[in-house]
């Protein structure tokens, strides 16, 4: 298509481009403009002097980052929690979507969908309060059941041995149903004639699921997995921030909460910005690497 043809096409669809303007303005103001603040990572930032008046220190903040024992502890916690969520939670929405697709009674199917979708619309503040109450070592329902069977009460949210498990479980309880929507939509897009042909050949439900449904949604699975890998260093900052306490810093403190504590708690804005920049760069590298591996081994790419 030459330049004149492209211009003619753009003029004929001018209304579509006008609709893009609010979204582009939003991205410019709230996504790209704040990126200028990244320069704080290379300064000894003073809130009263501002970015223009603060002293430039080059890579000093990153040297401080590399030599910080706390950071490597936080990085380990972040990777462990994220890997637990990927390994344990990523396949579950796929299984839920496959099972719901096999339900033939629409009333039952819609009821189940509504029930598992609802937790997504609750904020982490509400969910944290709910589980703090349920897991309370004194009067929580879970510990009452444990003591009923002659067990000892467990401080789930104050014990390093249990905190990560609680984080993973609550994340799954909140988001599994909502994440399944993507795979349900992908299943709905599969050509139904394939199922009809398989039925004529005598294939059962499980065979159809393995031979038609899973291959049909594989591009969506690959896309979601690559995006999930890209957020490997985002282990659920808002979730953990509302649930953890100093007793579980050793196992629950992640990069996002560490940035929050260093930036707003200790007002070390330059160091917290350096940590955040490190997080973003690694996330970008992971997305590119995941896409390259997908293209090489699965012959699929997200772009």
Protein backbone atom coordinates (compact mmCIF):
# COMPACT_ATOMS: atom_id res chain seq x y z
CA UNK A 1 0.00 0.00 0.00
CA UNK A 2 1.53 3.32 -1.08
CA UNK A 3 1.44 6.60 0.85
CA UNK A 4 -1.59 8.05 -0.97
CA UNK A 5 -3.61 4.88 -0.41
CA UNK A 6 -2.79 4.92 3.30
CA UNK A 7 -3.81 8.57 3.55
CA UNK A 8 -7.08 7.87 1.73
CA UNK A 9 -7.80 4.95 4.07
CA UNK A 10 -7.07 7.16 7.11
CA UNK A 11 -9.42 9.90 5.85
CA UNK A 12 -12.21 7.42 5.20
CA UNK A 13 -11.91 6.14 8.79
CA UNK A 14 -11.28 9.46 10.54
CA UNK A 15 -13.96 8.75 13.14
CA UNK A 16 -12.06 5.64 14.30
CA UNK A 17 -8.92 7.71 14.81
CA UNK A 18 -10.87 10.31 16.79
CA UNK A 19 -11.96 7.54 19.14
CA UNK A 20 -8.28 6.74 19.74
CA UNK A 21 -7.52 10.25 21.01
CA UNK A 22 -8.77 9.86 24.65
CA UNK A 23 -6.83 6.60 25.04
CA UNK A 24 -3.67 8.13 23.58
CA UNK A 25 -3.97 11.15 25.88
CA UNK A 26 -4.42 8.83 28.87
CA UNK A 27 -1.29 6.85 27.92
CA UNK A 28 0.70 10.02 27.38
CA UNK A 29 -0.28 11.66 30.67
CA UNK A 30 -0.33 8.68 33.03
CA UNK A 31 2.08 6.19 31.45
CA UNK A 32 4.77 7.97 29.47
CA UNK A 33 5.05 11.38 31.16
CA UNK A 34 5.76 9.87 34.63
CA UNK A 35 8.66 7.92 33.10
CA UNK A 36 10.66 11.15 33.32
CA UNK A 37 10.81 10.47 37.07
CA UNK A 38 13.15 7.54 36.38
CA UNK A 39 16.05 10.04 36.46
CA UNK A 40 15.65 10.08 40.26
CA UNK A 41 17.37 6.67 40.30
CA UNK A 42 20.57 8.41 39.15
CA UNK A 43 20.38 11.22 41.71
CA UNK A 44 20.63 11.77 45.42
CA UNK A 45 17.10 13.09 45.27
CA UNK A 46 15.98 15.80 47.68
CA UNK A 47 12.26 16.43 47.78
CA UNK A 48 12.78 20.14 48.48
CA UNK A 49 15.33 20.65 45.69
CA UNK A 50 13.32 18.69 43.14
CA UNK A 51 14.63 16.76 40.16
CA UNK A 52 16.35 19.78 38.65
CA UNK A 53 18.21 20.73 41.83
CA UNK A 54 19.19 17.30 43.17
CA UNK A 55 22.77 16.04 42.93
CA UNK A 56 23.59 13.50 40.22
CA UNK A 57 25.33 10.38 41.57
CA UNK A 58 25.35 8.16 38.47
CA UNK A 59 25.03 4.44 39.27
CA UNK A 60 25.57 4.86 43.01
CA UNK A 61 22.01 3.80 43.85
CA UNK A 62 22.42 0.63 41.79
CA UNK A 63 25.71 -0.18 43.56
CA UNK A 64 23.87 0.26 46.84
CA UNK A 65 21.17 -2.05 45.48
CA UNK A 66 23.64 -4.80 44.51
CA UNK A 67 25.36 -4.70 47.91
CA UNK A 68 22.11 -4.64 49.91
CA UNK A 69 21.44 -7.87 51.80
CA UNK A 70 17.79 -6.89 52.22
CA UNK A 71 17.30 -6.59 48.49
CA UNK A 72 18.47 -10.13 47.72
CA UNK A 73 16.20 -11.45 50.44
CA UNK A 74 13.32 -9.48 48.92
CA UNK A 75 14.22 -10.66 45.40
CA UNK A 76 14.21 -14.28 46.57
CA UNK A 77 10.80 -13.85 48.21
CA UNK A 78 9.43 -12.23 45.06
CA UNK A 79 10.65 -15.00 42.78
CA UNK A 80 9.42 -17.76 45.09
CA UNK A 81 5.93 -16.32 45.52
CA UNK A 82 5.62 -15.61 41.78
CA UNK A 83 6.80 -19.11 40.85
CA UNK A 84 4.34 -20.65 43.31
CA UNK A 85 1.54 -18.61 41.73
CA UNK A 86 2.56 -19.61 38.20
CA UNK A 87 3.03 -23.32 38.92
CA UNK A 88 0.00 -23.73 41.19
CA UNK A 89 -2.46 -21.14 39.91
CA UNK A 90 -1.83 -20.62 36.18
CA UNK A 91 -3.23 -24.03 35.08
CA UNK A 92 -6.33 -23.82 37.30
CA UNK A 93 -8.33 -21.26 35.22
CA UNK A 94 -7.67 -23.40 32.14
CA UNK A 95 -9.06 -26.46 33.90
CA UNK A 96 -12.05 -24.46 35.19
CA UNK A 97 -12.78 -23.18 31.66
CA UNK A 98 -12.57 -26.71 30.23
CA UNK A 99 -14.89 -28.11 32.90
CA UNK A 100 -17.44 -25.29 32.57
CA UNK A 101 -17.44 -25.81 28.81
CA UNK A 102 -18.64 -29.37 29.40
CA UNK A 103 -21.59 -28.34 31.59
CA UNK A 104 -24.82 -28.60 29.62
CA UNK A 105 -27.31 -27.20 32.17
CA UNK A 106 -27.10 -23.45 31.60
CA UNK A 107 -28.64 -22.43 34.93
CA UNK A 108 -26.09 -24.48 36.87
CA UNK A 109 -23.26 -23.25 34.63
CA UNK A 110 -24.16 -19.58 35.05
CA UNK A 111 -24.59 -19.99 38.80
CA UNK A 112 -21.11 -21.50 39.15
CA UNK A 113 -19.62 -18.80 36.92
CA UNK A 114 -21.19 -16.04 38.99
CA UNK A 115 -19.98 -17.53 42.27
CA UNK A 116 -16.37 -17.92 41.15
CA UNK A 117 -16.30 -14.49 39.44
CA UNK A 118 -17.52 -12.51 42.46
CA UNK A 119 -14.30 -12.46 44.56
CA UNK A 120 -12.52 -10.58 41.76
CA UNK A 121 -14.67 -7.52 42.43
CA UNK A 122 -13.66 -7.35 46.09
CA UNK A 123 -10.68 -5.16 46.96
CA UNK A 124 -7.65 -6.67 48.66
CA UNK A 125 -8.45 -4.59 51.73
CA UNK A 126 -11.78 -6.39 52.12
CA UNK A 127 -10.30 -9.80 51.32
CA UNK A 128 -7.42 -9.27 53.75
CA UNK A 129 -9.84 -8.31 56.50
CA UNK A 130 -11.93 -11.39 55.73
CA UNK A 131 -8.98 -13.78 55.92
CA UNK A 132 -7.48 -12.04 58.97
CA UNK A 133 -10.77 -12.82 60.71
CA UNK A 134 -10.99 -16.39 59.39
CA UNK A 135 -7.36 -17.19 60.25
CA UNK A 136 -7.25 -15.46 63.64
CA UNK A 137 -5.39 -17.68 66.16
CA UNK A 138 -7.88 -16.79 68.91
CA UNK A 139 -11.37 -16.86 67.43
CA UNK A 140 -10.90 -17.54 63.72
CA UNK A 141 -13.10 -20.19 62.12
CA UNK A 142 -10.12 -22.13 60.72
CA UNK A 143 -8.39 -22.40 64.10
CA UNK A 144 -11.66 -23.31 65.78
CA UNK A 145 -11.90 -26.28 63.41
CA UNK A 146 -8.25 -27.17 64.13
CA UNK A 147 -8.79 -27.09 67.90
CA UNK A 148 -11.99 -29.11 67.46
CA UNK A 149 -9.80 -31.95 66.19
CA UNK A 150 -7.37 -31.55 69.13
CA UNK A 151 -4.88 -29.44 67.19
CA UNK A 152 -2.98 -26.34 68.30
CA UNK A 153 -4.03 -22.91 66.97
CA UNK A 154 -1.81 -21.60 64.16
CA UNK A 155 -0.90 -17.96 63.59
CA UNK A 156 -1.08 -18.19 59.80
CA UNK A 157 -0.37 -14.51 59.14
CA UNK A 158 2.39 -14.21 61.75
CA UNK A 159 4.22 -17.44 60.94
CA UNK A 160 6.87 -17.47 58.19
CA UNK A 161 6.11 -21.14 57.53
CA UNK A 162 2.52 -20.41 56.46
CA UNK A 163 2.48 -16.86 55.13
CA UNK A 164 3.45 -17.66 51.52
CA UNK A 165 0.84 -20.42 51.39
CA UNK A 166 -1.82 -17.96 52.55
CA UNK A 167 -0.73 -15.46 49.90
CA UNK A 168 -0.95 -18.02 47.09
CA UNK A 169 -4.27 -19.43 48.31
CA UNK A 170 -5.96 -16.04 48.64
CA UNK A 171 -4.67 -14.95 45.22
CA UNK A 172 -6.15 -18.08 43.68
CA UNK A 173 -9.46 -17.68 45.53
CA UNK A 174 -9.80 -14.12 44.23
CA UNK A 175 -8.64 -14.40 40.62
CA UNK A 176 -9.10 -17.97 39.31
CA UNK A 177 -12.72 -17.44 38.26
CA UNK A 178 -12.00 -14.11 36.59
CA UNK A 179 -8.95 -15.44 34.72
CA UNK A 180 -11.05 -18.33 33.44
CA UNK A 181 -13.18 -15.84 31.44
CA UNK A 182 -10.35 -15.40 28.93
CA UNK A 183 -10.12 -19.12 28.25
CA UNK A 184 -13.91 -19.53 28.15
CA UNK A 185 -14.02 -16.82 25.47
CA UNK A 186 -11.23 -18.56 23.55
CA UNK A 187 -13.15 -21.86 23.69
CA UNK A 188 -16.28 -20.10 22.37
CA UNK A 189 -14.29 -19.07 19.30
CA UNK A 190 -13.44 -22.64 18.26
CA UNK A 191 -15.22 -23.84 15.12
CA UNK A 192 -18.11 -26.07 16.25
CA UNK A 193 -17.89 -28.13 13.08
CA UNK A 194 -14.74 -29.72 14.50
CA UNK A 195 -16.74 -31.09 17.44
CA UNK A 196 -19.47 -32.33 15.11
CA UNK A 197 -16.93 -34.14 12.92
CA UNK A 198 -15.31 -35.65 16.02
CA UNK A 199 -18.71 -36.87 17.27
CA UNK A 200 -19.34 -38.58 13.93
CA UNK A 201 -15.97 -40.33 14.31
CA UNK A 202 -17.03 -41.56 17.76
CA UNK A 203 -14.87 -39.26 19.90
CA UNK A 204 -15.97 -38.76 23.50
CA UNK A 205 -15.84 -35.60 25.59
CA UNK A 206 -12.33 -36.18 26.92
CA UNK A 207 -10.95 -36.91 23.45
CA UNK A 208 -12.59 -33.75 22.09
CA UNK A 209 -11.13 -31.77 24.98
CA UNK A 210 -7.62 -33.08 24.34
CA UNK A 211 -7.67 -33.05 20.54
CA UNK A 212 -9.81 -29.99 19.76
CA UNK A 213 -10.34 -27.67 22.74
CA UNK A 214 -6.80 -27.54 24.13
CA UNK A 215 -5.10 -27.03 20.72
CA UNK A 216 -7.77 -24.44 19.90
CA UNK A 217 -6.99 -22.29 22.94
CA UNK A 218 -3.23 -22.87 22.88
CA UNK A 219 -2.46 -19.41 21.36
CA UNK A 220 -4.37 -17.81 24.25
CA UNK A 221 -2.57 -19.99 26.79
CA UNK A 222 0.82 -19.03 25.31
CA UNK A 223 -0.09 -15.33 25.30
CA UNK A 224 -1.25 -15.37 28.93
CA UNK A 225 1.80 -17.36 30.02
CA UNK A 226 4.21 -14.92 28.38
CA UNK A 227 2.44 -11.97 29.99
CA UNK A 228 2.56 -13.78 33.34
CA UNK A 229 6.29 -14.35 32.96
CA UNK A 230 6.69 -10.64 32.26
CA UNK A 231 5.17 -9.86 35.66
CA UNK A 232 7.36 -12.41 37.45
CA UNK A 233 8.77 -9.71 39.72
CA UNK A 234 5.29 -8.43 40.58
CA UNK A 235 4.27 -10.94 43.21
CA UNK A 236 1.12 -9.10 44.28
CA UNK A 237 2.22 -5.91 46.02
CA UNK A 238 -1.26 -4.68 46.97
CA UNK A 239 -2.23 -8.11 48.28
CA UNK A 240 0.87 -8.58 50.43
CA UNK A 241 0.88 -4.97 51.62
CA UNK A 242 -2.55 -5.42 53.17
CA UNK A 243 -1.76 -8.81 54.72
CA UNK A 244 1.81 -8.86 55.98
CA UNK A 245 3.52 -7.47 59.08
CA UNK A 246 7.11 -7.18 60.40
CA UNK A 247 6.98 -10.75 61.75
CA UNK A 248 6.86 -12.18 58.21
CA UNK A 249 9.24 -9.81 56.42
CA UNK A 250 11.70 -12.69 56.02
CA UNK A 251 9.32 -14.61 53.74
CA UNK A 252 6.68 -12.07 52.70
CA UNK A 253 8.56 -8.88 51.83
CA UNK A 254 8.61 -8.54 48.02
CA UNK A 255 10.05 -5.91 45.68
CA UNK A 256 6.84 -3.87 45.55
CA UNK A 257 6.43 -3.70 49.32
CA UNK A 258 10.17 -3.05 49.74
CA UNK A 259 9.93 -0.07 47.37
CA UNK A 260 6.94 1.19 49.35
CA UNK A 261 8.76 0.90 52.68
CA UNK A 262 11.98 2.46 51.40
CA UNK A 263 10.29 5.23 49.40
CA UNK A 264 7.43 6.34 51.63
CA UNK A 265 8.57 4.81 54.91
CA UNK A 266 12.22 5.91 54.94
CA UNK A 267 11.86 8.62 52.22
CA UNK A 268 14.77 7.17 50.27
CA UNK A 269 13.21 8.04 46.93
CA UNK A 270 16.30 7.53 44.79
CA UNK A 271 16.98 4.03 46.05
CA UNK A 272 13.34 2.96 45.76
CA UNK A 273 13.24 4.32 42.18
CA UNK A 274 16.38 2.33 41.36
CA UNK A 275 14.71 -0.83 42.69
CA UNK A 276 11.58 -0.09 40.65
CA UNK A 277 13.64 0.54 37.50
CA UNK A 278 15.48 -2.74 38.02
CA UNK A 279 12.10 -4.46 38.35
CA UNK A 280 10.80 -2.92 35.11
CA UNK A 281 13.91 -3.71 33.07
CA UNK A 282 13.94 -7.34 34.21
CA UNK A 283 10.21 -7.62 33.43
CA UNK A 284 10.80 -6.28 29.90
CA UNK A 285 13.65 -8.75 29.35
CA UNK A 286 11.48 -11.62 30.57
CA UNK A 287 8.66 -10.73 28.16
CA UNK A 288 11.06 -10.57 25.20
CA UNK A 289 12.72 -13.83 26.25
CA UNK A 290 9.37 -15.56 26.74
CA UNK A 291 8.22 -14.48 23.29
CA UNK A 292 11.45 -15.72 21.70
CA UNK A 293 11.17 -19.10 23.44
CA UNK A 294 7.54 -19.37 22.41
CA UNK A 295 8.44 -18.63 18.80
CA UNK A 296 11.27 -21.16 18.87
CA UNK A 297 9.65 -24.12 20.62
CA UNK A 298 5.91 -23.61 20.11
CA UNK A 299 6.04 -21.78 16.79
CA UNK A 300 3.78 -19.10 18.25
CA UNK A 301 4.41 -15.47 19.03
CA UNK A 302 2.46 -12.63 20.62
CA UNK A 303 3.73 -10.17 17.97
